[in-house]
PDB file of N, CA and C in Angstrom:
ATOM      1  N   MET A   1      -8.322   6.319  -0.446  1.00  0.00           N
ATOM      2  CA  MET A   1      -7.953   5.064   0.175  1.00  0.00           C
ATOM      3  C   MET A   1      -6.722   4.430  -0.691  1.00  0.00           C
ATOM      4  N   LYS A   2      -5.800   3.820   0.024  1.00  0.00           N
ATOM      5  CA  LYS A   2      -4.700   3.218  -0.611  1.00  0.00           C
ATOM      6  C   LYS A   2      -4.645   1.653  -0.094  1.00  0.00           C
ATOM      7  N   LEU A   3      -4.483   0.826  -0.964  1.00  0.00           N
ATOM      8  CA  LEU A   3      -4.454  -0.623  -0.581  1.00  0.00           C
ATOM      9  C   LEU A   3      -3.065  -1.323  -1.195  1.00  0.00           C
ATOM     10  N   LEU A   4      -2.658  -2.210  -0.318  1.00  0.00           N
ATOM     11  CA  LEU A   4      -1.382  -2.846  -0.612  1.00  0.00           C
ATOM     12  C   LEU A   4      -1.995  -4.392  -0.801  1.00  0.00           C
ATOM     13  N   VAL A   5      -1.830  -4.787  -2.106  1.00  0.00           N
ATOM     14  CA  VAL A   5      -2.513  -6.146  -2.499  1.00  0.00           C
ATOM     15  C   VAL A   5      -1.378  -7.248  -2.100  1.00  0.00           C
ATOM     16  N   ASP A   6      -1.736  -8.245  -1.416  1.00  0.00           N
ATOM     17  CA  ASP A   6      -0.973  -9.264  -0.996  1.00  0.00           C
ATOM     18  C   ASP A   6      -0.757 -10.312  -2.257  1.00  0.00           C
ATOM     19  N   MET A   7       0.332 -10.922  -2.009  1.00  0.00           N
ATOM     20  CA  MET A   7       0.861 -11.959  -3.195  1.00  0.00           C
ATOM     21  C   MET A   7      -0.254 -13.052  -3.434  1.00  0.00           C
ATOM     22  N   ASN A   8      -1.108 -13.257  -2.429  1.00  0.00           N
ATOM     23  CA  ASN A   8      -2.097 -14.345  -2.581  1.00  0.00           C
ATOM     24  C   ASN A   8      -3.329 -13.861  -3.680  1.00  0.00           C
ATOM     25  N   LEU A   9      -3.326 -12.500  -3.903  1.00  0.00           N
ATOM     26  CA  LEU A   9      -4.312 -12.099  -5.089  1.00  0.00           C
ATOM     27  C   LEU A   9      -3.399 -11.801  -6.312  1.00  0.00           C
ATOM     28  N   SER A  10      -4.242 -11.931  -7.395  1.00  0.00           N
ATOM     29  CA  SER A  10      -3.474 -11.549  -8.666  1.00  0.00           C
ATOM     30  C   SER A  10      -3.321 -10.157  -8.778  1.00  0.00           C
ATOM     31  N   PRO A  11      -2.205  -9.749  -9.526  1.00  0.00           N
ATOM     32  CA  PRO A  11      -2.116  -8.152  -9.764  1.00  0.00           C
ATOM     33  C   PRO A  11      -3.147  -7.729 -10.685  1.00  0.00           C
ATOM     34  N   SER A  12      -3.874  -8.509 -11.429  1.00  0.00           N
ATOM     35  CA  SER A  12      -5.087  -8.104 -12.307  1.00  0.00           C
ATOM     36  C   SER A  12      -6.074  -7.477 -11.464  1.00  0.00           C
ATOM     37  N   TRP A  13      -6.011  -7.685 -10.110  1.00  0.00           N
ATOM     38  CA  TRP A  13      -7.151  -7.009  -9.320  1.00  0.00           C
ATOM     39  C   TRP A  13      -6.913  -5.488  -9.339  1.00  0.00           C
ATOM     40  N   LEU A  14      -5.676  -5.081  -9.591  1.00  0.00           N
ATOM     41  CA  LEU A  14      -5.337  -3.592  -9.608  1.00  0.00           C
ATOM     42  C   LEU A  14      -6.223  -2.782 -10.422  1.00  0.00           C
ATOM     43  N   HIS A  15      -6.483  -3.188 -11.551  1.00  0.00           N
ATOM     44  CA  HIS A  15      -7.421  -2.324 -12.444  1.00  0.00           C
ATOM     45  C   HIS A  15      -8.669  -2.299 -11.901  1.00  0.00           C
ATOM     46  N   LEU A  16      -9.255  -3.214 -11.116  1.00  0.00           N
ATOM     47  CA  LEU A  16     -10.509  -3.109 -10.661  1.00  0.00           C
ATOM     48  C   LEU A  16     -10.677  -2.145  -9.569  1.00  0.00           C
ATOM     49  N   PHE A  17      -9.563  -1.999  -8.715  1.00  0.00           N
ATOM     50  CA  PHE A  17      -9.483  -0.978  -7.760  1.00  0.00           C
ATOM     51  C   PHE A  17      -9.371   0.407  -8.305  1.00  0.00           C
ATOM     52  N   ALA A  18      -8.610   0.493  -9.454  1.00  0.00           N
ATOM     53  CA  ALA A  18      -8.409   1.883 -10.110  1.00  0.00           C
ATOM     54  C   ALA A  18      -9.497   2.256 -10.714  1.00  0.00           C
ATOM     55  N   ASP A  19     -10.428   1.245 -11.263  1.00  0.00           N
ATOM     56  CA  ASP A  19     -11.823   1.805 -11.713  1.00  0.00           C
ATOM     57  C   ASP A  19     -12.473   2.247 -10.682  1.00  0.00           C
ATOM     58  N   ALA A  20     -12.600   1.872  -9.529  1.00  0.00           N
ATOM     59  CA  ALA A  20     -13.280   2.258  -8.290  1.00  0.00           C
ATOM     60  C   ALA A  20     -12.731   3.448  -7.512  1.00  0.00           C
ATOM     61  N   GLY A  21     -11.544   4.099  -8.202  1.00  0.00           N
ATOM     62  CA  GLY A  21     -10.995   5.234  -7.586  1.00  0.00           C
ATOM     63  C   GLY A  21     -10.053   4.968  -6.486  1.00  0.00           C
ATOM     64  N   ILE A  22      -9.735   3.688  -6.333  1.00  0.00           N
ATOM     65  CA  ILE A  22      -8.845   3.301  -5.130  1.00  0.00           C
ATOM     66  C   ILE A  22      -7.478   3.160  -5.654  1.00  0.00           C
ATOM     67  N   VAL A  23      -6.294   3.667  -4.961  1.00  0.00           N
ATOM     68  CA  VAL A  23      -5.173   3.518  -5.231  1.00  0.00           C
ATOM     69  C   VAL A  23      -4.549   2.265  -4.862  1.00  0.00           C
ATOM     70  N   ALA A  24      -4.154   1.494  -5.493  1.00  0.00           N
ATOM     71  CA  ALA A  24      -3.684   0.081  -5.079  1.00  0.00           C
ATOM     72  C   ALA A  24      -2.197  -0.357  -5.650  1.00  0.00           C
ATOM     73  N   ALA A  25      -1.364  -0.957  -4.966  1.00  0.00           N
ATOM     74  CA  ALA A  25      -0.034  -1.564  -5.367  1.00  0.00           C
ATOM     75  C   ALA A  25      -0.094  -3.031  -5.076  1.00  0.00           C
ATOM     76  N   HIS A  26       0.512  -3.793  -5.972  1.00  0.00           N
ATOM     77  CA  HIS A  26       0.616  -5.142  -5.572  1.00  0.00           C
ATOM     78  C   HIS A  26       1.900  -5.488  -4.930  1.00  0.00           C
ATOM     79  N   TRP A  27       2.090  -6.445  -4.081  1.00  0.00           N
ATOM     80  CA  TRP A  27       3.297  -6.462  -3.293  1.00  0.00           C
ATOM     81  C   TRP A  27       4.450  -6.802  -4.127  1.00  0.00           C
ATOM     82  N   SER A  28       4.226  -7.540  -5.344  1.00  0.00           N
ATOM     83  CA  SER A  28       5.278  -7.924  -6.105  1.00  0.00           C
ATOM     84  C   SER A  28       5.831  -6.724  -6.842  1.00  0.00           C
ATOM     85  N   MET A  29       5.113  -5.573  -6.788  1.00  0.00           N
ATOM     86  CA  MET A  29       5.763  -4.325  -7.324  1.00  0.00           C
ATOM     87  C   MET A  29       6.547  -3.699  -6.299  1.00  0.00           C
ATOM     88  N   VAL A  30       6.333  -3.990  -4.996  1.00  0.00           N
ATOM     89  CA  VAL A  30       7.180  -3.143  -3.973  1.00  0.00           C
ATOM     90  C   VAL A  30       8.066  -3.817  -3.051  1.00  0.00           C
ATOM     91  N   GLY A  31       7.795  -5.108  -2.965  1.00  0.00           N
ATOM     92  CA  GLY A  31       8.555  -5.945  -2.112  1.00  0.00           C
ATOM     93  C   GLY A  31       9.007  -7.249  -2.793  1.00  0.00           C
ATOM     94  N   ALA A  32       9.853  -8.118  -1.845  1.00  0.00           N
ATOM     95  CA  ALA A  32      10.349  -9.350  -2.123  1.00  0.00           C
ATOM     96  C   ALA A  32       9.096 -10.346  -2.084  1.00  0.00           C
ATOM     97  N   HIS A  33       9.350 -11.215  -3.175  1.00  0.00           N
ATOM     98  CA  HIS A  33       8.294 -12.264  -3.260  1.00  0.00           C
ATOM     99  C   HIS A  33       8.248 -13.193  -2.155  1.00  0.00           C
ATOM    100  N   ALA A  34       9.249 -13.385  -1.467  1.00  0.00           N
ATOM    101  CA  ALA A  34       9.382 -14.288  -0.310  1.00  0.00           C
ATOM    102  C   ALA A  34       9.075 -13.483   1.046  1.00  0.00           C
ATOM    103  N   ALA A  35       8.594 -12.396   1.122  1.00  0.00           N
ATOM    104  CA  ALA A  35       8.499 -11.548   2.417  1.00  0.00           C
ATOM    105  C   ALA A  35       7.428 -12.393   3.253  1.00  0.00           C
ATOM    106  N   THR A  36       7.820 -12.115   4.497  1.00  0.00           N
ATOM    107  CA  THR A  36       6.790 -12.724   5.528  1.00  0.00           C
ATOM    108  C   THR A  36       5.609 -11.763   5.640  1.00  0.00           C
ATOM    109  N   ASP A  37       4.480 -12.205   6.268  1.00  0.00           N
ATOM    110  CA  ASP A  37       3.280 -11.137   6.424  1.00  0.00           C
ATOM    111  C   ASP A  37       3.784 -10.131   7.383  1.00  0.00           C
ATOM    112  N   ALA A  38       4.785 -10.394   8.343  1.00  0.00           N
ATOM    113  CA  ALA A  38       5.265  -9.461   9.268  1.00  0.00           C
ATOM    114  C   ALA A  38       5.941  -8.261   8.495  1.00  0.00           C
ATOM    115  N   GLN A  39       6.841  -8.754   7.549  1.00  0.00           N
ATOM    116  CA  GLN A  39       7.540  -7.596   6.711  1.00  0.00           C
ATOM    117  C   GLN A  39       6.520  -6.906   5.784  1.00  0.00           C
ATOM    118  N   ILE A  40       5.369  -7.462   5.332  1.00  0.00           N
ATOM    119  CA  ILE A  40       4.482  -6.757   4.593  1.00  0.00           C
ATOM    120  C   ILE A  40       3.767  -5.702   5.469  1.00  0.00           C
ATOM    121  N   MET A  41       3.412  -6.221   6.560  1.00  0.00           N
ATOM    122  CA  MET A  41       2.701  -5.267   7.651  1.00  0.00           C
ATOM    123  C   MET A  41       3.705  -4.240   7.907  1.00  0.00           C
ATOM    124  N   ALA A  42       4.822  -4.461   8.219  1.00  0.00           N
ATOM    125  CA  ALA A  42       5.889  -3.342   8.647  1.00  0.00           C
ATOM    126  C   ALA A  42       5.852  -2.337   7.501  1.00  0.00           C
ATOM    127  N   TYR A  43       5.912  -2.760   6.346  1.00  0.00           N
ATOM    128  CA  TYR A  43       6.089  -1.823   5.116  1.00  0.00           C
ATOM    129  C   TYR A  43       4.684  -1.009   5.094  1.00  0.00           C
ATOM    130  N   ALA A  44       3.624  -1.560   5.201  1.00  0.00           N
ATOM    131  CA  ALA A  44       2.347  -0.889   5.135  1.00  0.00           C
ATOM    132  C   ALA A  44       2.312   0.107   6.344  1.00  0.00           C
ATOM    133  N   ARG A  45       2.647  -0.301   7.574  1.00  0.00           N
ATOM    134  CA  ARG A  45       2.647   0.649   8.738  1.00  0.00           C
ATOM    135  C   ARG A  45       3.465   1.748   8.456  1.00  0.00           C
ATOM    136  N   GLU A  46       4.867   1.672   7.921  1.00  0.00           N
ATOM    137  CA  GLU A  46       5.613   2.729   7.622  1.00  0.00           C
ATOM    138  C   GLU A  46       5.127   3.647   6.681  1.00  0.00           C
ATOM    139  N   ARG A  47       4.469   3.226   5.713  1.00  0.00           N
ATOM    140  CA  ARG A  47       3.942   4.066   4.569  1.00  0.00           C
ATOM    141  C   ARG A  47       2.780   4.801   5.248  1.00  0.00           C
ATOM    142  N   LEU A  48       1.964   4.158   6.139  1.00  0.00           N
ATOM    143  CA  LEU A  48       0.960   4.972   6.830  1.00  0.00           C
ATOM    144  C   LEU A  48       1.436   6.021   7.632  1.00  0.00           C
ATOM    145  N   ARG A  49       2.591   5.767   8.406  1.00  0.00           N
ATOM    146  CA  ARG A  49       3.091   6.769   9.310  1.00  0.00           C
ATOM    147  C   ARG A  49       3.544   7.999   8.381  1.00  0.00           C
ATOM    148  N   ARG A  50       4.165   7.807   7.380  1.00  0.00           N
ATOM    149  CA  ARG A  50       4.716   8.862   6.551  1.00  0.00           C
ATOM    150  C   ARG A  50       3.609   9.651   5.963  1.00  0.00           C
ATOM    151  N   ALA A  51       2.426   8.974   5.573  1.00  0.00           N
ATOM    152  CA  ALA A  51       1.296   9.742   4.989  1.00  0.00           C
ATOM    153  C   ALA A  51       0.684  10.707   6.135  1.00  0.00           C
ATOM    154  N   HIS A  52       0.622  10.131   7.442  1.00  0.00           N
ATOM    155  CA  HIS A  52       0.086  10.977   8.575  1.00  0.00           C
ATOM    156  C   HIS A  52       0.913  11.996   8.663  1.00  0.00           C
ATOM    157  N   ARG A  53       2.295  11.890   8.689  1.00  0.00           N
ATOM    158  CA  ARG A  53       3.218  12.949   8.941  1.00  0.00           C
ATOM    159  C   ARG A  53       3.007  14.042   7.927  1.00  0.00           C
ATOM    160  N   THR A  54       2.961  13.579   6.507  1.00  0.00           N
ATOM    161  CA  THR A  54       2.747  14.657   5.498  1.00  0.00           C
ATOM    162  C   THR A  54       1.539  15.356   5.699  1.00  0.00           C
ATOM    163  N   ILE A  55       0.339  14.654   6.067  1.00  0.00           N
ATOM    164  CA  ILE A  55      -0.864  15.371   6.235  1.00  0.00           C
ATOM    165  C   ILE A  55      -0.877  16.420   7.409  1.00  0.00           C
ATOM    166  N   TRP A  56      -0.288  15.948   8.420  1.00  0.00           N
ATOM    167  CA  TRP A  56      -0.087  16.710   9.610  1.00  0.00           C
ATOM    168  C   TRP A  56       0.668  18.008   9.553  1.00  0.00           C
ATOM    169  N   THR A  57       1.703  17.718   8.606  1.00  0.00           N
ATOM    170  CA  THR A  57       2.685  18.963   8.482  1.00  0.00           C
ATOM    171  C   THR A  57       1.818  19.837   7.393  1.00  0.00           C
ATOM    172  N   SER A  58       1.046  19.507   6.536  1.00  0.00           N
ATOM    173  CA  SER A  58       0.242  20.207   5.598  1.00  0.00           C
ATOM    174  C   SER A  58      -0.809  20.998   6.245  1.00  0.00           C
ATOM    175  N   VAL A  59      -1.470  20.379   7.251  1.00  0.00           N
ATOM    176  CA  VAL A  59      -2.615  21.102   7.982  1.00  0.00           C
ATOM    177  C   VAL A  59      -1.983  22.062   8.989  1.00  0.00           C
ATOM    178  N   ARG A  60      -0.738  21.917   9.484  1.00  0.00           N
ATOM    179  CA  ARG A  60      -0.256  22.998  10.367  1.00  0.00           C
ATOM    180  C   ARG A  60       0.373  24.037   9.691  1.00  0.00           C
ATOM    181  N   SER A  61       0.638  24.023   8.479  1.00  0.00           N
ATOM    182  CA  SER A  61       1.325  24.964   7.706  1.00  0.00           C
ATOM    183  C   SER A  61       0.394  26.219   7.381  1.00  0.00           C
TER     184      SER A  61
END
């Protein structure tokens, strides 16, 4: 599982997710601080599409 942590949560949450085996990134590490919710969701959707393409390509090979 991968999570994208919104600016409303502290980056200190990342270590809790890591301890639970969850890969997480804080928005402040990957995007603009003033990004809208729509921009954040678009970023997450694009990363999900890329992950699905990678998995599908791997399965088909």
